[in-house]
Amino acid sequence: MKHFPMRLIKESGHLKDVPVIFLTSNNDRYHVMKAVEAGAKDYVVKPIREYILMDKVHTLLNEKKERLSWDNI
């Protein structure tokens, strides 16, 4: 399984720190592991439940906000 677009994102200077959530119909452990190894922050299997996706996005945004907080400098 190749994550060519993921590699492009992670190698890009202005996109490398953007958290990526994989949305897919494949729930095979191998594919989940490969997505995480490629740099995915999370993995959501279709059919997507809106509340689960929104919770994951919210969590990632809060993590990013905490890393950018002046309190952490």
N, C-alpha and C. Protein backbone atom coordinates (compact mmCIF):
# COMPACT_ATOMS: atom_id res chain seq x y z
N MET A 1 0.85 -1.18 0.00
CA MET A 1 0.00 0.00 0.00
C MET A 1 0.88 1.24 0.00
N LYS A 2 0.70 2.09 -0.98
CA LYS A 2 1.52 3.29 -1.08
C LYS A 2 0.70 4.50 -0.64
N HIS A 3 1.34 5.37 0.09
CA HIS A 3 0.70 6.61 0.55
C HIS A 3 1.40 7.78 -0.12
N PHE A 4 1.43 7.77 -1.43
CA PHE A 4 2.12 8.81 -2.18
C PHE A 4 1.64 10.21 -1.80
N PRO A 5 0.32 10.48 -1.80
CA PRO A 5 -0.12 11.82 -1.40
C PRO A 5 0.30 12.17 0.02
N MET A 6 0.28 11.18 0.91
CA MET A 6 0.70 11.42 2.29
C MET A 6 2.17 11.81 2.33
N ARG A 7 2.97 11.13 1.54
CA ARG A 7 4.40 11.44 1.49
C ARG A 7 4.61 12.87 0.99
N LEU A 8 3.85 13.28 0.00
CA LEU A 8 3.96 14.64 -0.51
C LEU A 8 3.60 15.68 0.56
N ILE A 9 2.58 15.38 1.33
CA ILE A 9 2.17 16.29 2.40
C ILE A 9 3.28 16.39 3.45
N LYS A 10 3.79 15.26 3.87
CA LYS A 10 4.80 15.25 4.94
C LYS A 10 6.14 15.82 4.49
N GLU A 11 6.43 15.79 3.19
CA GLU A 11 7.68 16.34 2.69
C GLU A 11 7.56 17.81 2.32
N SER A 12 6.35 18.33 2.30
CA SER A 12 6.12 19.72 1.94
C SER A 12 6.39 20.62 3.14
N GLY A 13 7.14 21.67 2.92
CA GLY A 13 7.50 22.57 4.02
C GLY A 13 6.30 23.18 4.71
N HIS A 14 5.33 23.65 3.96
CA HIS A 14 4.19 24.35 4.57
C HIS A 14 3.06 23.42 4.99
N LEU A 15 3.11 22.16 4.63
CA LEU A 15 2.04 21.22 5.00
C LEU A 15 2.49 20.12 5.95
N LYS A 16 3.77 20.03 6.21
CA LYS A 16 4.30 18.87 6.95
C LYS A 16 3.72 18.72 8.36
N ASP A 17 3.27 19.81 8.97
CA ASP A 17 2.73 19.73 10.32
C ASP A 17 1.21 19.65 10.37
N VAL A 18 0.57 19.56 9.21
CA VAL A 18 -0.89 19.46 9.16
C VAL A 18 -1.28 18.03 9.54
N PRO A 19 -2.11 17.88 10.57
CA PRO A 19 -2.52 16.52 10.96
C PRO A 19 -3.46 15.92 9.91
N VAL A 20 -3.25 14.66 9.59
CA VAL A 20 -4.04 13.97 8.57
C VAL A 20 -4.83 12.84 9.20
N ILE A 21 -6.11 12.78 8.85
CA ILE A 21 -6.97 11.69 9.27
C ILE A 21 -7.35 10.91 8.02
N PHE A 22 -7.04 9.62 7.99
CA PHE A 22 -7.42 8.78 6.86
C PHE A 22 -8.89 8.43 6.99
N LEU A 23 -9.65 8.60 5.91
CA LEU A 23 -11.05 8.20 5.83
C LEU A 23 -11.12 7.12 4.76
N THR A 24 -11.46 5.91 5.15
CA THR A 24 -11.38 4.80 4.22
C THR A 24 -12.39 3.72 4.56
N SER A 25 -12.62 2.83 3.61
CA SER A 25 -13.49 1.69 3.87
C SER A 25 -12.67 0.47 4.29
N ASN A 26 -11.35 0.59 4.30
CA ASN A 26 -10.47 -0.53 4.62
C ASN A 26 -10.11 -0.51 6.09
N ASN A 27 -10.54 -1.54 6.83
CA ASN A 27 -10.23 -1.59 8.26
C ASN A 27 -9.22 -2.69 8.59
N ASP A 28 -8.52 -3.17 7.58
CA ASP A 28 -7.49 -4.18 7.77
C ASP A 28 -6.37 -3.60 8.64
N ARG A 29 -5.91 -4.35 9.63
CA ARG A 29 -4.86 -3.86 10.55
C ARG A 29 -3.60 -3.42 9.82
N TYR A 30 -3.24 -4.15 8.78
CA TYR A 30 -2.05 -3.80 8.01
C TYR A 30 -2.17 -2.39 7.43
N HIS A 31 -3.33 -2.07 6.87
CA HIS A 31 -3.54 -0.76 6.27
C HIS A 31 -3.58 0.35 7.32
N VAL A 32 -4.17 0.06 8.45
CA VAL A 32 -4.17 1.04 9.54
C VAL A 32 -2.74 1.31 9.98
N MET A 33 -1.96 0.27 10.17
CA MET A 33 -0.56 0.40 10.58
C MET A 33 0.24 1.19 9.55
N LYS A 34 0.05 0.89 8.27
CA LYS A 34 0.78 1.59 7.22
C LYS A 34 0.39 3.07 7.16
N ALA A 35 -0.86 3.38 7.38
CA ALA A 35 -1.30 4.78 7.38
C ALA A 35 -0.65 5.54 8.52
N VAL A 36 -0.60 4.94 9.68
CA VAL A 36 0.02 5.58 10.85
C VAL A 36 1.53 5.73 10.62
N GLU A 37 2.16 4.69 10.07
CA GLU A 37 3.59 4.77 9.76
C GLU A 37 3.88 5.88 8.75
N ALA A 38 2.94 6.12 7.83
CA ALA A 38 3.12 7.16 6.82
C ALA A 38 2.94 8.55 7.40
N GLY A 39 2.38 8.63 8.62
CA GLY A 39 2.24 9.92 9.27
C GLY A 39 0.82 10.33 9.61
N ALA A 40 -0.14 9.45 9.37
CA ALA A 40 -1.53 9.77 9.71
C ALA A 40 -1.67 9.93 11.22
N LYS A 41 -2.43 10.91 11.63
CA LYS A 41 -2.69 11.11 13.05
C LYS A 41 -3.85 10.26 13.53
N ASP A 42 -4.74 9.87 12.60
CA ASP A 42 -5.88 9.04 12.97
C ASP A 42 -6.41 8.34 11.74
N TYR A 43 -7.35 7.44 11.94
CA TYR A 43 -7.85 6.57 10.89
C TYR A 43 -9.32 6.31 11.18
N VAL A 44 -10.20 6.66 10.25
CA VAL A 44 -11.63 6.47 10.44
C VAL A 44 -12.16 5.59 9.31
N VAL A 45 -12.91 4.56 9.68
CA VAL A 45 -13.43 3.61 8.71
C VAL A 45 -14.87 3.96 8.34
N LYS A 46 -15.18 3.90 7.06
CA LYS A 46 -16.53 4.13 6.56
C LYS A 46 -17.42 2.96 6.92
N PRO A 47 -18.70 3.12 7.13
CA PRO A 47 -19.41 4.39 7.08
C PRO A 47 -19.01 5.28 8.26
N ILE A 48 -18.86 6.53 7.96
CA ILE A 48 -18.36 7.49 8.95
C ILE A 48 -19.53 8.01 9.79
N ARG A 49 -19.33 7.93 11.08
CA ARG A 49 -20.30 8.54 12.00
C ARG A 49 -19.81 9.95 12.29
N GLU A 50 -20.65 10.90 12.01
CA GLU A 50 -20.26 12.30 12.09
C GLU A 50 -19.69 12.67 13.46
N TYR A 51 -20.30 12.21 14.52
CA TYR A 51 -19.84 12.57 15.86
C TYR A 51 -18.44 12.01 16.14
N ILE A 52 -18.12 10.84 15.60
CA ILE A 52 -16.79 10.28 15.80
C ILE A 52 -15.75 11.10 15.05
N LEU A 53 -16.04 11.41 13.79
CA LEU A 53 -15.11 12.22 13.01
C LEU A 53 -14.91 13.60 13.64
N MET A 54 -15.98 14.23 14.05
CA MET A 54 -15.87 15.56 14.65
C MET A 54 -15.07 15.51 15.96
N ASP A 55 -15.24 14.46 16.74
CA ASP A 55 -14.47 14.31 17.97
C ASP A 55 -12.98 14.17 17.66
N LYS A 56 -12.64 13.40 16.63
CA LYS A 56 -11.24 13.22 16.26
C LYS A 56 -10.63 14.53 15.75
N VAL A 57 -11.38 15.27 14.94
CA VAL A 57 -10.90 16.56 14.44
C VAL A 57 -10.72 17.53 15.60
N HIS A 58 -11.68 17.57 16.49
CA HIS A 58 -11.60 18.44 17.66
C HIS A 58 -10.37 18.12 18.50
N THR A 59 -10.11 16.85 18.72
CA THR A 59 -8.95 16.43 19.50
C THR A 59 -7.65 16.89 18.84
N LEU A 60 -7.54 16.70 17.53
CA LEU A 60 -6.32 17.11 16.81
C LEU A 60 -6.14 18.62 16.84
N LEU A 61 -7.22 19.36 16.70
CA LEU A 61 -7.11 20.82 16.75
C LEU A 61 -6.69 21.30 18.14
N ASN A 62 -7.20 20.65 19.18
CA ASN A 62 -6.80 21.01 20.54
C ASN A 62 -5.33 20.70 20.79
N GLU A 63 -4.85 19.57 20.25
CA GLU A 63 -3.43 19.23 20.39
C GLU A 63 -2.57 20.28 19.72
N LYS A 64 -2.96 20.69 18.53
CA LYS A 64 -2.20 21.71 17.79
C LYS A 64 -2.23 23.03 18.55
N LYS A 65 -3.39 23.39 19.08
CA LYS A 65 -3.52 24.64 19.82
C LYS A 65 -2.62 24.62 21.05
N GLU A 66 -2.56 23.49 21.74
CA GLU A 66 -1.70 23.38 22.93
C GLU A 66 -0.23 23.54 22.57
N ARG A 67 0.17 22.97 21.42
CA ARG A 67 1.57 23.09 21.00
C ARG A 67 1.92 24.52 20.63
N LEU A 68 0.93 25.30 20.20
CA LEU A 68 1.19 26.67 19.77
C LEU A 68 0.95 27.69 20.88
N SER A 69 0.53 27.22 22.03
CA SER A 69 0.20 28.11 23.13
C SER A 69 1.43 28.84 23.64
N TRP A 70 1.26 30.11 23.99
CA TRP A 70 2.36 30.90 24.57
C TRP A 70 2.79 30.34 25.92
N ASP A 71 1.89 29.62 26.58
CA ASP A 71 2.20 29.04 27.87
C ASP A 71 3.28 27.96 27.77
N ASN A 72 3.46 27.40 26.59
CA ASN A 72 4.43 26.32 26.40
C ASN A 72 5.79 26.82 25.96
N ILE A 73 5.96 28.11 25.89
CA ILE A 73 7.24 28.68 25.42
C ILE A 73 8.17 28.95 26.59
